[in-house]
Amino acid sequence: MLSTVAKLFTEYSNIELLDGGQNESFKVGNIAIKPVYEEEKYLWISEVLNELKSEKISISKPIKSFLGNWIEQGFGATKYINGKFYINRIDEKLEVCRNINQLLSPL
């Protein structure tokens, strides 16, 4: 099942299960693939995020499948950004929120 879905989004075949995400998300090459539970919201978010351009923050934007769809067989794909979760650093997190708010305000 996972390899079938992965082939719809990427030519890579090395599937790695990702930590978190209720053990339902996986990485293939430079993309992350995860289940989509609310299709209407996911489609809207995909369109909006792909309009955003920023040099200040990295945005893991959704990727269309080779068939031109945001969702395939109940899964969506995004650019994989290697990162780390930090419990503190509130000021930095708030700054990122402000940056996202500025990017979204004209939309």
PDB file of N, CA and C in Angstrom:
ATOM      1  N   MET A   1       0.831  -1.209   0.000  1.00  0.00           N
ATOM      2  CA  MET A   1       0.000   0.000   0.000  1.00  0.00           C
ATOM      3  C   MET A   1       0.865   1.259   0.000  1.00  0.00           C
ATOM      4  N   LEU A   2       1.830   1.339   0.936  1.00  0.00           N
ATOM      5  CA  LEU A   2       2.666   2.537   1.025  1.00  0.00           C
ATOM      6  C   LEU A   2       3.477   2.756  -0.244  1.00  0.00           C
ATOM      7  N   SER A   3       4.027   1.692  -0.789  1.00  0.00           N
ATOM      8  CA  SER A   3       4.838   1.854  -2.000  1.00  0.00           C
ATOM      9  C   SER A   3       3.981   2.288  -3.182  1.00  0.00           C
ATOM     10  N   THR A   4       2.735   1.836  -3.238  1.00  0.00           N
ATOM     11  CA  THR A   4       1.823   2.247  -4.305  1.00  0.00           C
ATOM     12  C   THR A   4       1.544   3.743  -4.220  1.00  0.00           C
ATOM     13  N   VAL A   5       1.286   4.232  -3.006  1.00  0.00           N
ATOM     14  CA  VAL A   5       1.028   5.651  -2.799  1.00  0.00           C
ATOM     15  C   VAL A   5       2.286   6.460  -3.096  1.00  0.00           C
ATOM     16  N   ALA A   6       3.419   6.000  -2.600  1.00  0.00           N
ATOM     17  CA  ALA A   6       4.681   6.723  -2.805  1.00  0.00           C
ATOM     18  C   ALA A   6       4.974   6.914  -4.285  1.00  0.00           C
ATOM     19  N   LYS A   7       4.706   5.888  -5.102  1.00  0.00           N
ATOM     20  CA  LYS A   7       4.986   5.971  -6.541  1.00  0.00           C
ATOM     21  C   LYS A   7       4.125   7.021  -7.238  1.00  0.00           C
ATOM     22  N   LEU A   8       3.040   7.424  -6.608  1.00  0.00           N
ATOM     23  CA  LEU A   8       2.193   8.465  -7.191  1.00  0.00           C
ATOM     24  C   LEU A   8       2.780   9.865  -6.986  1.00  0.00           C
ATOM     25  N   PHE A   9       3.709   9.994  -6.017  1.00  0.00           N
ATOM     26  CA  PHE A   9       4.289  11.299  -5.690  1.00  0.00           C
ATOM     27  C   PHE A   9       5.775  11.429  -6.005  1.00  0.00           C
ATOM     28  N   THR A  10       6.494  10.316  -6.091  1.00  0.00           N
ATOM     29  CA  THR A  10       7.944  10.398  -6.240  1.00  0.00           C
ATOM     30  C   THR A  10       8.506   9.169  -6.957  1.00  0.00           C
ATOM     31  N   GLU A  11       9.675   9.332  -7.523  1.00  0.00           N
ATOM     32  CA  GLU A  11      10.359   8.207  -8.166  1.00  0.00           C
ATOM     33  C   GLU A  11      11.195   7.417  -7.160  1.00  0.00           C
ATOM     34  N   TYR A  12      11.446   7.997  -5.991  1.00  0.00           N
ATOM     35  CA  TYR A  12      12.223   7.312  -4.968  1.00  0.00           C
ATOM     36  C   TYR A  12      11.430   6.144  -4.398  1.00  0.00           C
ATOM     37  N   SER A  13      12.130   5.157  -3.856  1.00  0.00           N
ATOM     38  CA  SER A  13      11.431   3.989  -3.312  1.00  0.00           C
ATOM     39  C   SER A  13      11.834   3.629  -1.888  1.00  0.00           C
ATOM     40  N   ASN A  14      12.773   4.360  -1.309  1.00  0.00           N
ATOM     41  CA  ASN A  14      13.235   4.058   0.046  1.00  0.00           C
ATOM     42  C   ASN A  14      12.278   4.652   1.078  1.00  0.00           C
ATOM     43  N   ILE A  15      11.361   3.854   1.587  1.00  0.00           N
ATOM     44  CA  ILE A  15      10.332   4.316   2.514  1.00  0.00           C
ATOM     45  C   ILE A  15      10.852   4.225   3.946  1.00  0.00           C
ATOM     46  N   GLU A  16      10.765   5.355   4.664  1.00  0.00           N
ATOM     47  CA  GLU A  16      11.155   5.409   6.074  1.00  0.00           C
ATOM     48  C   GLU A  16       9.966   5.889   6.895  1.00  0.00           C
ATOM     49  N   LEU A  17       9.596   5.150   7.912  1.00  0.00           N
ATOM     50  CA  LEU A  17       8.538   5.585   8.810  1.00  0.00           C
ATOM     51  C   LEU A  17       9.046   6.761   9.630  1.00  0.00           C
ATOM     52  N   LEU A  18       8.245   7.814   9.756  1.00  0.00           N
ATOM     53  CA  LEU A  18       8.645   9.000  10.513  1.00  0.00           C
ATOM     54  C   LEU A  18       8.158   8.905  11.955  1.00  0.00           C
ATOM     55  N   ASP A  19       8.947   9.449  12.861  1.00  0.00           N
ATOM     56  CA  ASP A  19       8.529   9.546  14.261  1.00  0.00           C
ATOM     57  C   ASP A  19       7.340  10.486  14.362  1.00  0.00           C
ATOM     58  N   GLY A  20       6.475  10.243  15.299  1.00  0.00           N
ATOM     59  CA  GLY A  20       5.304  11.100  15.487  1.00  0.00           C
ATOM     60  C   GLY A  20       4.247  10.790  14.442  1.00  0.00           C
ATOM     61  N   GLY A  21       3.240  11.645  14.385  1.00  0.00           N
ATOM     62  CA  GLY A  21       2.199  11.452  13.378  1.00  0.00           C
ATOM     63  C   GLY A  21       1.423  10.167  13.539  1.00  0.00           C
ATOM     64  N   GLN A  22       1.297   9.662  14.736  1.00  0.00           N
ATOM     65  CA  GLN A  22       0.581   8.429  15.026  1.00  0.00           C
ATOM     66  C   GLN A  22       1.109   7.249  14.206  1.00  0.00           C
ATOM     67  N   ASN A  23       2.387   7.297  13.864  1.00  0.00           N
ATOM     68  CA  ASN A  23       3.030   6.255  13.062  1.00  0.00           C
ATOM     69  C   ASN A  23       2.337   6.010  11.726  1.00  0.00           C
ATOM     70  N   GLU A  24       1.810   7.069  11.134  1.00  0.00           N
ATOM     71  CA  GLU A  24       1.136   6.962   9.845  1.00  0.00           C
ATOM     72  C   GLU A  24       1.849   7.754   8.754  1.00  0.00           C
ATOM     73  N   SER A  25       2.869   8.514   9.116  1.00  0.00           N
ATOM     74  CA  SER A  25       3.586   9.351   8.161  1.00  0.00           C
ATOM     75  C   SER A  25       4.903   8.684   7.793  1.00  0.00           C
ATOM     76  N   PHE A  26       5.295   8.832   6.534  1.00  0.00           N
ATOM     77  CA  PHE A  26       6.552   8.248   6.104  1.00  0.00           C
ATOM     78  C   PHE A  26       7.277   9.187   5.144  1.00  0.00           C
ATOM     79  N   LYS A  27       8.564   8.964   5.044  1.00  0.00           N
ATOM     80  CA  LYS A  27       9.423   9.786   4.196  1.00  0.00           C
ATOM     81  C   LYS A  27       9.899   8.936   3.030  1.00  0.00           C
ATOM     82  N   VAL A  28       9.857   9.523   1.845  1.00  0.00           N
ATOM     83  CA  VAL A  28      10.367   8.861   0.653  1.00  0.00           C
ATOM     84  C   VAL A  28      11.181   9.907  -0.095  1.00  0.00           C
ATOM     85  N   GLY A  29      12.487   9.699  -0.142  1.00  0.00           N
ATOM     86  CA  GLY A  29      13.349  10.710  -0.759  1.00  0.00           C
ATOM     87  C   GLY A  29      13.255  12.008   0.010  1.00  0.00           C
ATOM     88  N   ASN A  30      12.882  13.081  -0.668  1.00  0.00           N
ATOM     89  CA  ASN A  30      12.812  14.387  -0.005  1.00  0.00           C
ATOM     90  C   ASN A  30      11.370  14.845   0.232  1.00  0.00           C
ATOM     91  N   ILE A  31      10.441  13.871   0.309  1.00  0.00           N
ATOM     92  CA  ILE A  31       9.059  14.236   0.611  1.00  0.00           C
ATOM     93  C   ILE A  31       8.527  13.418   1.792  1.00  0.00           C
ATOM     94  N   ALA A  32       7.551  13.993   2.472  1.00  0.00           N
ATOM     95  CA  ALA A  32       6.843  13.306   3.551  1.00  0.00           C
ATOM     96  C   ALA A  32       5.436  13.022   3.048  1.00  0.00           C
ATOM     97  N   ILE A  33       4.949  11.836   3.328  1.00  0.00           N
ATOM     98  CA  ILE A  33       3.607  11.441   2.905  1.00  0.00           C
ATOM     99  C   ILE A  33       2.827  11.057   4.155  1.00  0.00           C
ATOM    100  N   LYS A  34       1.606  11.595   4.263  1.00  0.00           N
ATOM    101  CA  LYS A  34       0.792  11.310   5.445  1.00  0.00           C
ATOM    102  C   LYS A  34      -0.671  11.214   5.046  1.00  0.00           C
ATOM    103  N   PRO A  35      -1.472  10.555   5.879  1.00  0.00           N
ATOM    104  CA  PRO A  35      -2.899  10.444   5.557  1.00  0.00           C
ATOM    105  C   PRO A  35      -3.595  11.801   5.644  1.00  0.00           C
ATOM    106  N   VAL A  36      -4.599  11.958   4.820  1.00  0.00           N
ATOM    107  CA  VAL A  36      -5.429  13.162   4.830  1.00  0.00           C
ATOM    108  C   VAL A  36      -6.807  12.749   5.329  1.00  0.00           C
ATOM    109  N   TYR A  37      -7.230  13.345   6.437  1.00  0.00           N
ATOM    110  CA  TYR A  37      -8.519  12.988   7.033  1.00  0.00           C
ATOM    111  C   TYR A  37      -9.619  13.991   6.703  1.00  0.00           C
ATOM    112  N   GLU A  38      -9.242  15.212   6.398  1.00  0.00           N
ATOM    113  CA  GLU A  38     -10.220  16.244   6.048  1.00  0.00           C
ATOM    114  C   GLU A  38      -9.844  16.812   4.682  1.00  0.00           C
ATOM    115  N   GLU A  39     -10.357  16.182   3.647  1.00  0.00           N
ATOM    116  CA  GLU A  39      -9.948  16.508   2.277  1.00  0.00           C
ATOM    117  C   GLU A  39     -10.198  17.961   1.898  1.00  0.00           C
ATOM    118  N   GLU A  40     -11.362  18.493   2.219  1.00  0.00           N
ATOM    119  CA  GLU A  40     -11.685  19.864   1.839  1.00  0.00           C
ATOM    120  C   GLU A  40     -10.686  20.856   2.442  1.00  0.00           C
ATOM    121  N   LYS A  41     -10.382  20.684   3.719  1.00  0.00           N
ATOM    122  CA  LYS A  41      -9.410  21.560   4.383  1.00  0.00           C
ATOM    123  C   LYS A  41      -8.025  21.391   3.782  1.00  0.00           C
ATOM    124  N   TYR A  42      -7.633  20.153   3.528  1.00  0.00           N
ATOM    125  CA  TYR A  42      -6.306  19.887   2.981  1.00  0.00           C
ATOM    126  C   TYR A  42      -6.149  20.526   1.599  1.00  0.00           C
ATOM    127  N   LEU A  43      -7.181  20.436   0.777  1.00  0.00           N
ATOM    128  CA  LEU A  43      -7.120  21.036  -0.556  1.00  0.00           C
ATOM    129  C   LEU A  43      -6.973  22.549  -0.466  1.00  0.00           C
ATOM    130  N   TRP A  44      -7.715  23.180   0.454  1.00  0.00           N
ATOM    131  CA  TRP A  44      -7.623  24.627   0.641  1.00  0.00           C
ATOM    132  C   TRP A  44      -6.228  25.012   1.138  1.00  0.00           C
ATOM    133  N   ILE A  45      -5.746  24.297   2.145  1.00  0.00           N
ATOM    134  CA  ILE A  45      -4.424  24.583   2.714  1.00  0.00           C
ATOM    135  C   ILE A  45      -3.342  24.404   1.650  1.00  0.00           C
ATOM    136  N   SER A  46      -3.472  23.383   0.827  1.00  0.00           N
ATOM    137  CA  SER A  46      -2.482  23.131  -0.230  1.00  0.00           C
ATOM    138  C   SER A  46      -2.380  24.307  -1.184  1.00  0.00           C
ATOM    139  N   GLU A  47      -3.528  24.814  -1.603  1.00  0.00           N
ATOM    140  CA  GLU A  47      -3.534  25.961  -2.520  1.00  0.00           C
ATOM    141  C   GLU A  47      -2.929  27.201  -1.853  1.00  0.00           C
ATOM    142  N   VAL A  48      -3.327  27.469  -0.608  1.00  0.00           N
ATOM    143  CA  VAL A  48      -2.845  28.654   0.103  1.00  0.00           C
ATOM    144  C   VAL A  48      -1.351  28.578   0.357  1.00  0.00           C
ATOM    145  N   LEU A  49      -0.873  27.459   0.886  1.00  0.00           N
ATOM    146  CA  LEU A  49       0.555  27.348   1.207  1.00  0.00           C
ATOM    147  C   LEU A  49       1.428  27.478  -0.037  1.00  0.00           C
ATOM    148  N   ASN A  50       0.951  27.002  -1.156  1.00  0.00           N
ATOM    149  CA  ASN A  50       1.756  27.091  -2.373  1.00  0.00           C
ATOM    150  C   ASN A  50       1.835  28.491  -2.942  1.00  0.00           C
ATOM    151  N   GLU A  51       1.007  29.408  -2.438  1.00  0.00           N
ATOM    152  CA  GLU A  51       1.081  30.812  -2.835  1.00  0.00           C
ATOM    153  C   GLU A  51       2.102  31.588  -2.001  1.00  0.00           C
ATOM    154  N   LEU A  52       2.479  31.055  -0.848  1.00  0.00           N
ATOM    155  CA  LEU A  52       3.365  31.772   0.080  1.00  0.00           C
ATOM    156  C   LEU A  52       4.821  31.690  -0.368  1.00  0.00           C
ATOM    157  N   LYS A  53       5.495  32.831  -0.268  1.00  0.00           N
ATOM    158  CA  LYS A  53       6.917  32.899  -0.582  1.00  0.00           C
ATOM    159  C   LYS A  53       7.603  33.668   0.536  1.00  0.00           C
ATOM    160  N   SER A  54       8.632  33.053   1.111  1.00  0.00           N
ATOM    161  CA  SER A  54       9.339  33.699   2.210  1.00  0.00           C
ATOM    162  C   SER A  54      10.795  33.260   2.238  1.00  0.00           C
ATOM    163  N   GLU A  55      11.654  34.216   2.527  1.00  0.00           N
ATOM    164  CA  GLU A  55      13.062  33.897   2.737  1.00  0.00           C
ATOM    165  C   GLU A  55      13.369  33.789   4.226  1.00  0.00           C
ATOM    166  N   LYS A  56      12.405  34.185   5.068  1.00  0.00           N
ATOM    167  CA  LYS A  56      12.616  34.174   6.522  1.00  0.00           C
ATOM    168  C   LYS A  56      12.314  32.821   7.152  1.00  0.00           C
ATOM    169  N   ILE A  57      11.333  32.110   6.614  1.00  0.00           N
ATOM    170  CA  ILE A  57      10.932  30.841   7.212  1.00  0.00           C
ATOM    171  C   ILE A  57      10.818  29.763   6.136  1.00  0.00           C
ATOM    172  N   SER A  58      11.010  28.523   6.538  1.00  0.00           N
ATOM    173  CA  SER A  58      10.840  27.382   5.636  1.00  0.00           C
ATOM    174  C   SER A  58       9.414  26.874   5.783  1.00  0.00           C
ATOM    175  N   ILE A  59       8.761  26.655   4.668  1.00  0.00           N
ATOM    176  CA  ILE A  59       7.389  26.167   4.674  1.00  0.00           C
ATOM    177  C   ILE A  59       7.365  24.828   3.946  1.00  0.00           C
ATOM    178  N   SER A  60       6.877  23.832   4.623  1.00  0.00           N
ATOM    179  CA  SER A  60       6.758  22.505   4.029  1.00  0.00           C
ATOM    180  C   SER A  60       5.503  22.478   3.160  1.00  0.00           C
ATOM    181  N   LYS A  61       5.671  22.820   1.910  1.00  0.00           N
ATOM    182  CA  LYS A  61       4.536  22.979   1.007  1.00  0.00           C
ATOM    183  C   LYS A  61       4.064  21.639   0.446  1.00  0.00           C
ATOM    184  N   PRO A  62       2.745  21.503   0.309  1.00  0.00           N
ATOM    185  CA  PRO A  62       2.207  20.299  -0.316  1.00  0.00           C
ATOM    186  C   PRO A  62       2.695  20.161  -1.754  1.00  0.00           C
ATOM    187  N   ILE A  63       2.769  18.916  -2.201  1.00  0.00           N
ATOM    188  CA  ILE A  63       3.258  18.581  -3.532  1.00  0.00           C
ATOM    189  C   ILE A  63       2.153  17.823  -4.264  1.00  0.00           C
ATOM    190  N   LYS A  64       1.932  18.186  -5.506  1.00  0.00           N
ATOM    191  CA  LYS A  64       0.957  17.448  -6.307  1.00  0.00           C
ATOM    192  C   LYS A  64       1.554  16.113  -6.766  1.00  0.00           C
ATOM    193  N   SER A  65       0.681  15.148  -6.938  1.00  0.00           N
ATOM    194  CA  SER A  65       1.102  13.846  -7.443  1.00  0.00           C
ATOM    195  C   SER A  65       1.458  13.958  -8.927  1.00  0.00           C
ATOM    196  N   PHE A  66       1.997  12.894  -9.466  1.00  0.00           N
ATOM    197  CA  PHE A  66       2.295  12.861 -10.899  1.00  0.00           C
ATOM    198  C   PHE A  66       1.019  12.988 -11.729  1.00  0.00           C
ATOM    199  N   LEU A  67      -0.131  12.685 -11.116  1.00  0.00           N
ATOM    200  CA  LEU A  67      -1.419  12.804 -11.806  1.00  0.00           C
ATOM    201  C   LEU A  67      -2.015  14.199 -11.676  1.00  0.00           C
ATOM    202  N   GLY A  68      -1.313  15.089 -10.911  1.00  0.00           N
ATOM    203  CA  GLY A  68      -1.769  16.469 -10.760  1.00  0.00           C
ATOM    204  C   GLY A  68      -2.732  16.702  -9.606  1.00  0.00           C
ATOM    205  N   ASN A  69      -2.785  15.772  -8.662  1.00  0.00           N
ATOM    206  CA  ASN A  69      -3.699  15.876  -7.520  1.00  0.00           C
ATOM    207  C   ASN A  69      -2.940  16.127  -6.221  1.00  0.00           C
ATOM    208  N   TRP A  70      -3.587  16.863  -5.299  1.00  0.00           N
ATOM    209  CA  TRP A  70      -3.003  17.080  -3.972  1.00  0.00           C
ATOM    210  C   TRP A  70      -3.152  15.836  -3.108  1.00  0.00           C
ATOM    211  N   ILE A  71      -4.187  15.040  -3.352  1.00  0.00           N
ATOM    212  CA  ILE A  71      -4.481  13.855  -2.545  1.00  0.00           C
ATOM    213  C   ILE A  71      -4.587  12.640  -3.463  1.00  0.00           C
ATOM    214  N   GLU A  72      -3.937  11.561  -3.051  1.00  0.00           N
ATOM    215  CA  GLU A  72      -4.020  10.294  -3.777  1.00  0.00           C
ATOM    216  C   GLU A  72      -4.279   9.174  -2.776  1.00  0.00           C
ATOM    217  N   GLN A  73      -5.329   8.417  -3.005  1.00  0.00           N
ATOM    218  CA  GLN A  73      -5.671   7.259  -2.168  1.00  0.00           C
ATOM    219  C   GLN A  73      -5.696   7.623  -0.684  1.00  0.00           C
ATOM    220  N   GLY A  74      -6.151   8.839  -0.377  1.00  0.00           N
ATOM    221  CA  GLY A  74      -6.266   9.277   1.016  1.00  0.00           C
ATOM    222  C   GLY A  74      -4.981   9.815   1.631  1.00  0.00           C
ATOM    223  N   PHE A  75      -3.945  10.042   0.813  1.00  0.00           N
ATOM    224  CA  PHE A  75      -2.662  10.545   1.301  1.00  0.00           C
ATOM    225  C   PHE A  75      -2.282  11.830   0.581  1.00  0.00           C
ATOM    226  N   GLY A  76      -1.566  12.694   1.305  1.00  0.00           N
ATOM    227  CA  GLY A  76      -1.010  13.908   0.751  1.00  0.00           C
ATOM    228  C   GLY A  76       0.491  13.918   0.971  1.00  0.00           C
ATOM    229  N   ALA A  77       1.194  14.684   0.171  1.00  0.00           N
ATOM    230  CA  ALA A  77       2.656  14.759   0.266  1.00  0.00           C
ATOM    231  C   ALA A  77       3.092  16.202   0.436  1.00  0.00           C
ATOM    232  N   THR A  78       4.154  16.396   1.192  1.00  0.00           N
ATOM    233  CA  THR A  78       4.751  17.715   1.360  1.00  0.00           C
ATOM    234  C   THR A  78       6.265  17.595   1.218  1.00  0.00           C
ATOM    235  N   LYS A  79       6.873  18.726   0.954  1.00  0.00           N
ATOM    236  CA  LYS A  79       8.328  18.782   0.964  1.00  0.00           C
ATOM    237  C   LYS A  79       8.782  18.391   2.366  1.00  0.00           C
ATOM    238  N   TYR A  80       9.798  17.555   2.471  1.00  0.00           N
ATOM    239  CA  TYR A  80      10.321  17.143   3.777  1.00  0.00           C
ATOM    240  C   TYR A  80      11.377  18.143   4.220  1.00  0.00           C
ATOM    241  N   ILE A  81      11.180  18.689   5.400  1.00  0.00           N
ATOM    242  CA  ILE A  81      12.159  19.592   5.992  1.00  0.00           C
ATOM    243  C   ILE A  81      12.643  18.964   7.282  1.00  0.00           C
ATOM    244  N   ASN A  82      13.915  18.672   7.340  1.00  0.00           N
ATOM    245  CA  ASN A  82      14.478  18.080   8.545  1.00  0.00           C
ATOM    246  C   ASN A  82      14.486  19.133   9.644  1.00  0.00           C
ATOM    247  N   GLY A  83      13.890  18.826  10.744  1.00  0.00           N
ATOM    248  CA  GLY A  83      13.812  19.800  11.829  1.00  0.00           C
ATOM    249  C   GLY A  83      13.824  19.120  13.183  1.00  0.00           C
ATOM    250  N   LYS A  84      13.686  19.937  14.183  1.00  0.00           N
ATOM    251  CA  LYS A  84      13.720  19.448  15.550  1.00  0.00           C
ATOM    252  C   LYS A  84      12.691  20.225  16.350  1.00  0.00           C
ATOM    253  N   PHE A  85      11.983  19.555  17.239  1.00  0.00           N
ATOM    254  CA  PHE A  85      11.002  20.203  18.097  1.00  0.00           C
ATOM    255  C   PHE A  85      11.696  20.731  19.346  1.00  0.00           C
ATOM    256  N   TYR A  86      11.410  21.983  19.672  1.00  0.00           N
ATOM    257  CA  TYR A  86      11.963  22.601  20.870  1.00  0.00           C
ATOM    258  C   TYR A  86      10.821  22.955  21.817  1.00  0.00           C
ATOM    259  N   ILE A  87      10.972  22.610  23.080  1.00  0.00           N
ATOM    260  CA  ILE A  87       9.927  22.878  24.075  1.00  0.00           C
ATOM    261  C   ILE A  87       9.838  24.370  24.377  1.00  0.00           C
ATOM    262  N   ASN A  88      10.953  25.043  24.465  1.00  0.00           N
ATOM    263  CA  ASN A  88      10.962  26.468  24.797  1.00  0.00           C
ATOM    264  C   ASN A  88      11.142  27.320  23.538  1.00  0.00           C
ATOM    265  N   ARG A  89      11.933  28.352  23.619  1.00  0.00           N
ATOM    266  CA  ARG A  89      12.214  29.273  22.514  1.00  0.00           C
ATOM    267  C   ARG A  89      10.938  29.976  22.037  1.00  0.00           C
ATOM    268  N   ILE A  90      10.134  30.400  22.982  1.00  0.00           N
ATOM    269  CA  ILE A  90       8.836  31.020  22.715  1.00  0.00           C
ATOM    270  C   ILE A  90       8.971  32.253  21.823  1.00  0.00           C
ATOM    271  N   ASP A  91       9.966  33.107  22.072  1.00  0.00           N
ATOM    272  CA  ASP A  91      10.132  34.325  21.270  1.00  0.00           C
ATOM    273  C   ASP A  91      10.331  33.988  19.787  1.00  0.00           C
ATOM    274  N   GLU A  92      11.143  32.967  19.508  1.00  0.00           N
ATOM    275  CA  GLU A  92      11.373  32.575  18.120  1.00  0.00           C
ATOM    276  C   GLU A  92      10.100  32.012  17.492  1.00  0.00           C
ATOM    277  N   LYS A  93       9.369  31.220  18.262  1.00  0.00           N
ATOM    278  CA  LYS A  93       8.119  30.643  17.754  1.00  0.00           C
ATOM    279  C   LYS A  93       7.092  31.730  17.468  1.00  0.00           C
ATOM    280  N   LEU A  94       7.010  32.715  18.323  1.00  0.00           N
ATOM    281  CA  LEU A  94       6.082  33.828  18.098  1.00  0.00           C
ATOM    282  C   LEU A  94       6.480  34.635  16.868  1.00  0.00           C
ATOM    283  N   GLU A  95       7.762  34.808  16.657  1.00  0.00           N
ATOM    284  CA  GLU A  95       8.230  35.527  15.470  1.00  0.00           C
ATOM    285  C   GLU A  95       7.841  34.783  14.195  1.00  0.00           C
ATOM    286  N   VAL A  96       7.962  33.472  14.207  1.00  0.00           N
ATOM    287  CA  VAL A  96       7.540  32.675  13.050  1.00  0.00           C
ATOM    288  C   VAL A  96       6.040  32.838  12.827  1.00  0.00           C
ATOM    289  N   CYS A  97       5.256  32.823  13.896  1.00  0.00           N
ATOM    290  CA  CYS A  97       3.804  33.030  13.787  1.00  0.00           C
ATOM    291  C   CYS A  97       3.492  34.394  13.173  1.00  0.00           C
ATOM    292  N   ARG A  98       4.218  35.419  13.594  1.00  0.00           N
ATOM    293  CA  ARG A  98       4.015  36.759  13.022  1.00  0.00           C
ATOM    294  C   ARG A  98       4.346  36.769  11.525  1.00  0.00           C
ATOM    295  N   ASN A  99       5.434  36.100  11.170  1.00  0.00           N
ATOM    296  CA  ASN A  99       5.825  36.032   9.756  1.00  0.00           C
ATOM    297  C   ASN A  99       4.757  35.323   8.922  1.00  0.00           C
ATOM    298  N   ILE A 100       4.233  34.223   9.434  1.00  0.00           N
ATOM    299  CA  ILE A 100       3.183  33.517   8.711  1.00  0.00           C
ATOM    300  C   ILE A 100       1.934  34.382   8.588  1.00  0.00           C
ATOM    301  N   ASN A 101       1.594  35.081   9.670  1.00  0.00           N
ATOM    302  CA  ASN A 101       0.430  35.974   9.640  1.00  0.00           C
ATOM    303  C   ASN A 101       0.595  37.041   8.556  1.00  0.00           C
ATOM    304  N   GLN A 102       1.779  37.612   8.441  1.00  0.00           N
ATOM    305  CA  GLN A 102       2.041  38.626   7.408  1.00  0.00           C
ATOM    306  C   GLN A 102       1.909  38.032   6.016  1.00  0.00           C
ATOM    307  N   LEU A 103       2.421  36.815   5.838  1.00  0.00           N
ATOM    308  CA  LEU A 103       2.331  36.168   4.539  1.00  0.00           C
ATOM    309  C   LEU A 103       0.881  35.867   4.150  1.00  0.00           C
ATOM    310  N   LEU A 104       0.067  35.518   5.136  1.00  0.00           N
ATOM    311  CA  LEU A 104      -1.325  35.141   4.871  1.00  0.00           C
ATOM    312  C   LEU A 104      -2.263  36.339   4.741  1.00  0.00           C
ATOM    313  N   SER A 105      -1.896  37.482   5.312  1.00  0.00           N
ATOM    314  CA  SER A 105      -2.814  38.620   5.367  1.00  0.00           C
ATOM    315  C   SER A 105      -3.322  39.098   4.006  1.00  0.00           C
ATOM    316  N   PRO A 106      -2.518  39.094   2.933  1.00  0.00           N
ATOM    317  CA  PRO A 106      -3.069  39.549   1.654  1.00  0.00           C
ATOM    318  C   PRO A 106      -3.970  38.532   0.958  1.00  0.00           C
ATOM    319  N   LEU A 107      -3.978  37.304   1.433  1.00  0.00           N
ATOM    320  CA  LEU A 107      -4.750  36.247   0.729  1.00  0.00           C
ATOM    321  C   LEU A 107      -6.189  36.241   1.095  1.00  0.00           C
TER     322      LEU A 107
END
